[in-house]
Structure formats: C-alpha cells, structure tokens
Amino acid sequence: MKINERIKELRKERKESQVKVAEAVGITPRQYQRFEAGEQKPGFDNFCALADHFGVSLDYLAGRTDKR
C-alpha cells in the first residue's frame, strides 16, 4: 500500500476531514490534498507529523508493514 492510500484510509477511519488533518499537522489543506492524491510525497517533518497524528509508526505509514 502506498503512503497516499494509507493516509486516506487512516483519515476515513477517524472520520476526519482533509482540512482537519492538515490543521493538525500544520500544513495547508491543498498540500494535504496533494499527499492524498499521490501528487506529492510528504517531506520528513510532515511524514513524522502525520504518523504522530494518526498514532502509527513510520513503517506502517510508508506501507512497509501492516503492524500499526
């Protein structure tokens, strides 16, 4: 599973909007939309912030493992 698919899945599980996630991790809603659409990959700081927000490991977020 790719990063964009993983963050979309996690966001929907938590019933959060793209805007809410973007605000929580300190990025613009448009930038988050690009991450979810697969148009752009998050930089390291944003990648870490997303993992922290969703309460998962970096490996899970990157699709390297299915263990959260």
PDB file of N, CA and C in Angstrom:
ATOM      1  N   MET A   1       0.853  -1.183   0.000  1.00  0.00           N
ATOM      2  CA  MET A   1       0.000   0.000   0.000  1.00  0.00           C
ATOM      3  C   MET A   1       0.893   1.238   0.000  1.00  0.00           C
ATOM      4  N   LYS A   2       0.509   2.243  -0.734  1.00  0.00           N
ATOM      5  CA  LYS A   2       1.282   3.475  -0.841  1.00  0.00           C
ATOM      6  C   LYS A   2       0.914   4.452   0.263  1.00  0.00           C
ATOM      7  N   ILE A   3       1.791   5.420   0.485  1.00  0.00           N
ATOM      8  CA  ILE A   3       1.579   6.416   1.533  1.00  0.00           C
ATOM      9  C   ILE A   3       0.238   7.124   1.355  1.00  0.00           C
ATOM     10  N   ASN A   4      -0.064   7.528   0.123  1.00  0.00           N
ATOM     11  CA  ASN A   4      -1.310   8.271  -0.094  1.00  0.00           C
ATOM     12  C   ASN A   4      -2.544   7.428   0.238  1.00  0.00           C
ATOM     13  N   GLU A   5      -2.491   6.144  -0.076  1.00  0.00           N
ATOM     14  CA  GLU A   5      -3.616   5.267   0.249  1.00  0.00           C
ATOM     15  C   GLU A   5      -3.737   5.082   1.756  1.00  0.00           C
ATOM     16  N   ARG A   6      -2.591   4.974   2.414  1.00  0.00           N
ATOM     17  CA  ARG A   6      -2.566   4.750   3.856  1.00  0.00           C
ATOM     18  C   ARG A   6      -3.141   5.957   4.604  1.00  0.00           C
ATOM     19  N   ILE A   7      -2.729   7.168   4.222  1.00  0.00           N
ATOM     20  CA  ILE A   7      -3.231   8.334   4.967  1.00  0.00           C
ATOM     21  C   ILE A   7      -4.715   8.562   4.710  1.00  0.00           C
ATOM     22  N   LYS A   8      -5.162   8.242   3.515  1.00  0.00           N
ATOM     23  CA  LYS A   8      -6.591   8.379   3.216  1.00  0.00           C
ATOM     24  C   LYS A   8      -7.400   7.388   4.052  1.00  0.00           C
ATOM     25  N   GLU A   9      -6.914   6.155   4.125  1.00  0.00           N
ATOM     26  CA  GLU A   9      -7.580   5.119   4.912  1.00  0.00           C
ATOM     27  C   GLU A   9      -7.641   5.513   6.390  1.00  0.00           C
ATOM     28  N   LEU A  10      -6.530   5.993   6.925  1.00  0.00           N
ATOM     29  CA  LEU A  10      -6.477   6.389   8.332  1.00  0.00           C
ATOM     30  C   LEU A  10      -7.401   7.573   8.617  1.00  0.00           C
ATOM     31  N   ARG A  11      -7.413   8.537   7.706  1.00  0.00           N
ATOM     32  CA  ARG A  11      -8.283   9.709   7.884  1.00  0.00           C
ATOM     33  C   ARG A  11      -9.745   9.303   7.898  1.00  0.00           C
ATOM     34  N   LYS A  12     -10.122   8.418   6.990  1.00  0.00           N
ATOM     35  CA  LYS A  12     -11.528   7.989   6.930  1.00  0.00           C
ATOM     36  C   LYS A  12     -11.911   7.168   8.157  1.00  0.00           C
ATOM     37  N   GLU A  13     -10.989   6.342   8.655  1.00  0.00           N
ATOM     38  CA  GLU A  13     -11.258   5.573   9.872  1.00  0.00           C
ATOM     39  C   GLU A  13     -11.594   6.499  11.038  1.00  0.00           C
ATOM     40  N   ARG A  14     -10.891   7.621  11.096  1.00  0.00           N
ATOM     41  CA  ARG A  14     -11.093   8.580  12.185  1.00  0.00           C
ATOM     42  C   ARG A  14     -12.204   9.578  11.894  1.00  0.00           C
ATOM     43  N   LYS A  15     -12.798   9.453  10.715  1.00  0.00           N
ATOM     44  CA  LYS A  15     -13.887  10.340  10.299  1.00  0.00           C
ATOM     45  C   LYS A  15     -13.472  11.813  10.384  1.00  0.00           C
ATOM     46  N   GLU A  16     -12.277  12.099   9.892  1.00  0.00           N
ATOM     47  CA  GLU A  16     -11.773  13.463   9.875  1.00  0.00           C
ATOM     48  C   GLU A  16     -11.792  14.000   8.452  1.00  0.00           C
ATOM     49  N   SER A  17     -11.921  15.305   8.344  1.00  0.00           N
ATOM     50  CA  SER A  17     -11.843  15.934   7.028  1.00  0.00           C
ATOM     51  C   SER A  17     -10.376  16.161   6.676  1.00  0.00           C
ATOM     52  N   GLN A  18     -10.122  16.400   5.404  1.00  0.00           N
ATOM     53  CA  GLN A  18      -8.767  16.724   4.969  1.00  0.00           C
ATOM     54  C   GLN A  18      -8.305  18.019   5.642  1.00  0.00           C
ATOM     55  N   VAL A  19      -9.199  18.958   5.796  1.00  0.00           N
ATOM     56  CA  VAL A  19      -8.868  20.239   6.426  1.00  0.00           C
ATOM     57  C   VAL A  19      -8.441  20.027   7.878  1.00  0.00           C
ATOM     58  N   LYS A  20      -9.161  19.178   8.585  1.00  0.00           N
ATOM     59  CA  LYS A  20      -8.841  18.929   9.992  1.00  0.00           C
ATOM     60  C   LYS A  20      -7.457  18.298  10.135  1.00  0.00           C
ATOM     61  N   VAL A  21      -7.145  17.327   9.294  1.00  0.00           N
ATOM     62  CA  VAL A  21      -5.829  16.688   9.352  1.00  0.00           C
ATOM     63  C   VAL A  21      -4.744  17.701   9.020  1.00  0.00           C
ATOM     64  N   ALA A  22      -4.972  18.479   7.975  1.00  0.00           N
ATOM     65  CA  ALA A  22      -3.988  19.492   7.577  1.00  0.00           C
ATOM     66  C   ALA A  22      -3.709  20.461   8.721  1.00  0.00           C
ATOM     67  N   GLU A  23      -4.750  20.935   9.377  1.00  0.00           N
ATOM     68  CA  GLU A  23      -4.574  21.859  10.503  1.00  0.00           C
ATOM     69  C   GLU A  23      -3.824  21.188  11.641  1.00  0.00           C
ATOM     70  N   ALA A  24      -4.125  19.925  11.892  1.00  0.00           N
ATOM     71  CA  ALA A  24      -3.495  19.201  12.999  1.00  0.00           C
ATOM     72  C   ALA A  24      -1.997  19.005  12.793  1.00  0.00           C
ATOM     73  N   VAL A  25      -1.576  18.864  11.541  1.00  0.00           N
ATOM     74  CA  VAL A  25      -0.151  18.636  11.281  1.00  0.00           C
ATOM     75  C   VAL A  25       0.570  19.896  10.807  1.00  0.00           C
ATOM     76  N   GLY A  26      -0.152  21.002  10.684  1.00  0.00           N
ATOM     77  CA  GLY A  26       0.471  22.277  10.377  1.00  0.00           C
ATOM     78  C   GLY A  26       0.803  22.521   8.916  1.00  0.00           C
ATOM     79  N   ILE A  27      -0.054  22.021   8.025  1.00  0.00           N
ATOM     80  CA  ILE A  27       0.136  22.261   6.595  1.00  0.00           C
ATOM     81  C   ILE A  27      -1.158  22.821   6.016  1.00  0.00           C
ATOM     82  N   THR A  28      -1.094  23.261   4.771  1.00  0.00           N
ATOM     83  CA  THR A  28      -2.307  23.780   4.137  1.00  0.00           C
ATOM     84  C   THR A  28      -3.186  22.614   3.686  1.00  0.00           C
ATOM     85  N   PRO A  29      -4.489  22.848   3.622  1.00  0.00           N
ATOM     86  CA  PRO A  29      -5.371  21.794   3.118  1.00  0.00           C
ATOM     87  C   PRO A  29      -4.985  21.334   1.708  1.00  0.00           C
ATOM     88  N   ARG A  30      -4.565  22.265   0.865  1.00  0.00           N
ATOM     89  CA  ARG A  30      -4.179  21.900  -0.513  1.00  0.00           C
ATOM     90  C   ARG A  30      -2.959  20.977  -0.517  1.00  0.00           C
ATOM     91  N   GLN A  31      -2.019  21.252   0.360  1.00  0.00           N
ATOM     92  CA  GLN A  31      -0.838  20.392   0.429  1.00  0.00           C
ATOM     93  C   GLN A  31      -1.232  18.989   0.874  1.00  0.00           C
ATOM     94  N   TYR A  32      -2.115  18.903   1.860  1.00  0.00           N
ATOM     95  CA  TYR A  32      -2.580  17.585   2.299  1.00  0.00           C
ATOM     96  C   TYR A  32      -3.320  16.877   1.165  1.00  0.00           C
ATOM     97  N   GLN A  33      -4.138  17.599   0.419  1.00  0.00           N
ATOM     98  CA  GLN A  33      -4.855  17.002  -0.709  1.00  0.00           C
ATOM     99  C   GLN A  33      -3.878  16.421  -1.715  1.00  0.00           C
ATOM    100  N   ARG A  34      -2.767  17.112  -1.936  1.00  0.00           N
ATOM    101  CA  ARG A  34      -1.742  16.600  -2.857  1.00  0.00           C
ATOM    102  C   ARG A  34      -1.136  15.302  -2.331  1.00  0.00           C
ATOM    103  N   PHE A  35      -0.920  15.222  -1.016  1.00  0.00           N
ATOM    104  CA  PHE A  35      -0.394  13.986  -0.429  1.00  0.00           C
ATOM    105  C   PHE A  35      -1.366  12.837  -0.670  1.00  0.00           C
ATOM    106  N   GLU A  36      -2.643  13.070  -0.385  1.00  0.00           N
ATOM    107  CA  GLU A  36      -3.653  12.014  -0.529  1.00  0.00           C
ATOM    108  C   GLU A  36      -3.852  11.613  -1.982  1.00  0.00           C
ATOM    109  N   ALA A  37      -3.727  12.561  -2.889  1.00  0.00           N
ATOM    110  CA  ALA A  37      -3.916  12.267  -4.315  1.00  0.00           C
ATOM    111  C   ALA A  37      -2.683  11.601  -4.924  1.00  0.00           C
ATOM    112  N   GLY A  38      -1.586  11.560  -4.182  1.00  0.00           N
ATOM    113  CA  GLY A  38      -0.366  10.972  -4.701  1.00  0.00           C
ATOM    114  C   GLY A  38       0.399  11.898  -5.626  1.00  0.00           C
ATOM    115  N   GLU A  39       0.039  13.169  -5.625  1.00  0.00           N
ATOM    116  CA  GLU A  39       0.718  14.153  -6.482  1.00  0.00           C
ATOM    117  C   GLU A  39       2.036  14.614  -5.871  1.00  0.00           C
ATOM    118  N   GLN A  40       2.156  14.462  -4.551  1.00  0.00           N
ATOM    119  CA  GLN A  40       3.339  14.914  -3.834  1.00  0.00           C
ATOM    120  C   GLN A  40       3.532  13.995  -2.632  1.00  0.00           C
ATOM    121  N   LYS A  41       4.786  13.702  -2.301  1.00  0.00           N
ATOM    122  CA  LYS A  41       5.071  12.906  -1.113  1.00  0.00           C
ATOM    123  C   LYS A  41       5.465  13.850   0.020  1.00  0.00           C
ATOM    124  N   PRO A  42       5.037  13.522   1.237  1.00  0.00           N
ATOM    125  CA  PRO A  42       5.381  14.402   2.353  1.00  0.00           C
ATOM    126  C   PRO A  42       6.884  14.372   2.640  1.00  0.00           C
ATOM    127  N   GLY A  43       7.427  15.528   3.013  1.00  0.00           N
ATOM    128  CA  GLY A  43       8.800  15.586   3.471  1.00  0.00           C
ATOM    129  C   GLY A  43       8.897  14.909   4.828  1.00  0.00           C
ATOM    130  N   PHE A  44      10.111  14.756   5.324  1.00  0.00           N
ATOM    131  CA  PHE A  44      10.315  14.011   6.563  1.00  0.00           C
ATOM    132  C   PHE A  44       9.528  14.588   7.737  1.00  0.00           C
ATOM    133  N   ASP A  45       9.557  15.906   7.915  1.00  0.00           N
ATOM    134  CA  ASP A  45       8.851  16.514   9.043  1.00  0.00           C
ATOM    135  C   ASP A  45       7.346  16.280   8.960  1.00  0.00           C
ATOM    136  N   ASN A  46       6.782  16.435   7.774  1.00  0.00           N
ATOM    137  CA  ASN A  46       5.345  16.195   7.592  1.00  0.00           C
ATOM    138  C   ASN A  46       5.013  14.722   7.733  1.00  0.00           C
ATOM    139  N   PHE A  47       5.907  13.871   7.258  1.00  0.00           N
ATOM    140  CA  PHE A  47       5.715  12.420   7.372  1.00  0.00           C
ATOM    141  C   PHE A  47       5.634  12.023   8.853  1.00  0.00           C
ATOM    142  N   CYS A  48       6.552  12.565   9.657  1.00  0.00           N
ATOM    143  CA  CYS A  48       6.548  12.295  11.095  1.00  0.00           C
ATOM    144  C   CYS A  48       5.294  12.858  11.757  1.00  0.00           C
ATOM    145  N   ALA A  49       4.902  14.066  11.364  1.00  0.00           N
ATOM    146  CA  ALA A  49       3.709  14.694  11.945  1.00  0.00           C
ATOM    147  C   ALA A  49       2.450  13.886  11.628  1.00  0.00           C
ATOM    148  N   LEU A  50       2.361  13.360  10.408  1.00  0.00           N
ATOM    149  CA  LEU A  50       1.211  12.527  10.041  1.00  0.00           C
ATOM    150  C   LEU A  50       1.188  11.238  10.848  1.00  0.00           C
ATOM    151  N   ALA A  51       2.336  10.604  11.003  1.00  0.00           N
ATOM    152  CA  ALA A  51       2.404   9.370  11.796  1.00  0.00           C
ATOM    153  C   ALA A  51       1.992   9.649  13.242  1.00  0.00           C
ATOM    154  N   ASP A  52       2.474  10.748  13.807  1.00  0.00           N
ATOM    155  CA  ASP A  52       2.098  11.115  15.177  1.00  0.00           C
ATOM    156  C   ASP A  52       0.602  11.388  15.280  1.00  0.00           C
ATOM    157  N   HIS A  53       0.076  12.118  14.323  1.00  0.00           N
ATOM    158  CA  HIS A  53      -1.356  12.453  14.349  1.00  0.00           C
ATOM    159  C   HIS A  53      -2.226  11.197  14.310  1.00  0.00           C
ATOM    160  N   PHE A  54      -1.863  10.270  13.458  1.00  0.00           N
ATOM    161  CA  PHE A  54      -2.668   9.056  13.319  1.00  0.00           C
ATOM    162  C   PHE A  54      -2.293   7.969  14.324  1.00  0.00           C
ATOM    163  N   GLY A  55      -1.218   8.180  15.076  1.00  0.00           N
ATOM    164  CA  GLY A  55      -0.820   7.214  16.102  1.00  0.00           C
ATOM    165  C   GLY A  55      -0.287   5.919  15.528  1.00  0.00           C
ATOM    166  N   VAL A  56       0.450   6.015  14.429  1.00  0.00           N
ATOM    167  CA  VAL A  56       1.013   4.828  13.782  1.00  0.00           C
ATOM    168  C   VAL A  56       2.519   5.020  13.590  1.00  0.00           C
ATOM    169  N   SER A  57       3.198   3.926  13.272  1.00  0.00           N
ATOM    170  CA  SER A  57       4.637   4.005  13.029  1.00  0.00           C
ATOM    171  C   SER A  57       4.909   4.543  11.626  1.00  0.00           C
ATOM    172  N   LEU A  58       6.122   5.016  11.429  1.00  0.00           N
ATOM    173  CA  LEU A  58       6.529   5.482  10.105  1.00  0.00           C
ATOM    174  C   LEU A  58       6.502   4.335   9.106  1.00  0.00           C
ATOM    175  N   ASP A  59       6.909   3.143   9.532  1.00  0.00           N
ATOM    176  CA  ASP A  59       6.886   1.983   8.633  1.00  0.00           C
ATOM    177  C   ASP A  59       5.471   1.646   8.194  1.00  0.00           C
ATOM    178  N   TYR A  60       4.517   1.753   9.116  1.00  0.00           N
ATOM    179  CA  TYR A  60       3.124   1.495   8.741  1.00  0.00           C
ATOM    180  C   TYR A  60       2.641   2.530   7.744  1.00  0.00           C
ATOM    181  N   LEU A  61       2.938   3.787   8.025  1.00  0.00           N
ATOM    182  CA  LEU A  61       2.502   4.865   7.138  1.00  0.00           C
ATOM    183  C   LEU A  61       3.103   4.720   5.744  1.00  0.00           C
ATOM    184  N   ALA A  62       4.327   4.242   5.684  1.00  0.00           N
ATOM    185  CA  ALA A  62       5.016   4.064   4.398  1.00  0.00           C
ATOM    186  C   ALA A  62       4.589   2.791   3.687  1.00  0.00           C
ATOM    187  N   GLY A  63       3.800   1.951   4.355  1.00  0.00           N
ATOM    188  CA  GLY A  63       3.353   0.717   3.727  1.00  0.00           C
ATOM    189  C   GLY A  63       4.363  -0.410   3.797  1.00  0.00           C
ATOM    190  N   ARG A  64       5.363  -0.267   4.688  1.00  0.00           N
ATOM    191  CA  ARG A  64       6.397  -1.285   4.806  1.00  0.00           C
ATOM    192  C   ARG A  64       5.971  -2.425   5.726  1.00  0.00           C
ATOM    193  N   THR A  65       4.950  -2.190   6.537  1.00  0.00           N
ATOM    194  CA  THR A  65       4.422  -3.206   7.429  1.00  0.00           C
ATOM    195  C   THR A  65       2.936  -2.966   7.617  1.00  0.00           C
ATOM    196  N   ASP A  66       2.242  -4.002   8.045  1.00  0.00           N
ATOM    197  CA  ASP A  66       0.821  -3.851   8.347  1.00  0.00           C
ATOM    198  C   ASP A  66       0.594  -3.722   9.846  1.00  0.00           C
ATOM    199  N   LYS A  67       1.688  -3.714  10.606  1.00  0.00           N
ATOM    200  CA  LYS A  67       1.606  -3.551  12.064  1.00  0.00           C
ATOM    201  C   LYS A  67       1.638  -2.064  12.384  1.00  0.00           C
ATOM    202  N   ARG A  68       0.572  -1.579  12.974  1.00  0.00           N
ATOM    203  CA  ARG A  68       0.463  -0.152  13.264  1.00  0.00           C
ATOM    204  C   ARG A  68       1.410   0.271  14.352  1.00  0.00           C
TER     205      ARG A  68
END
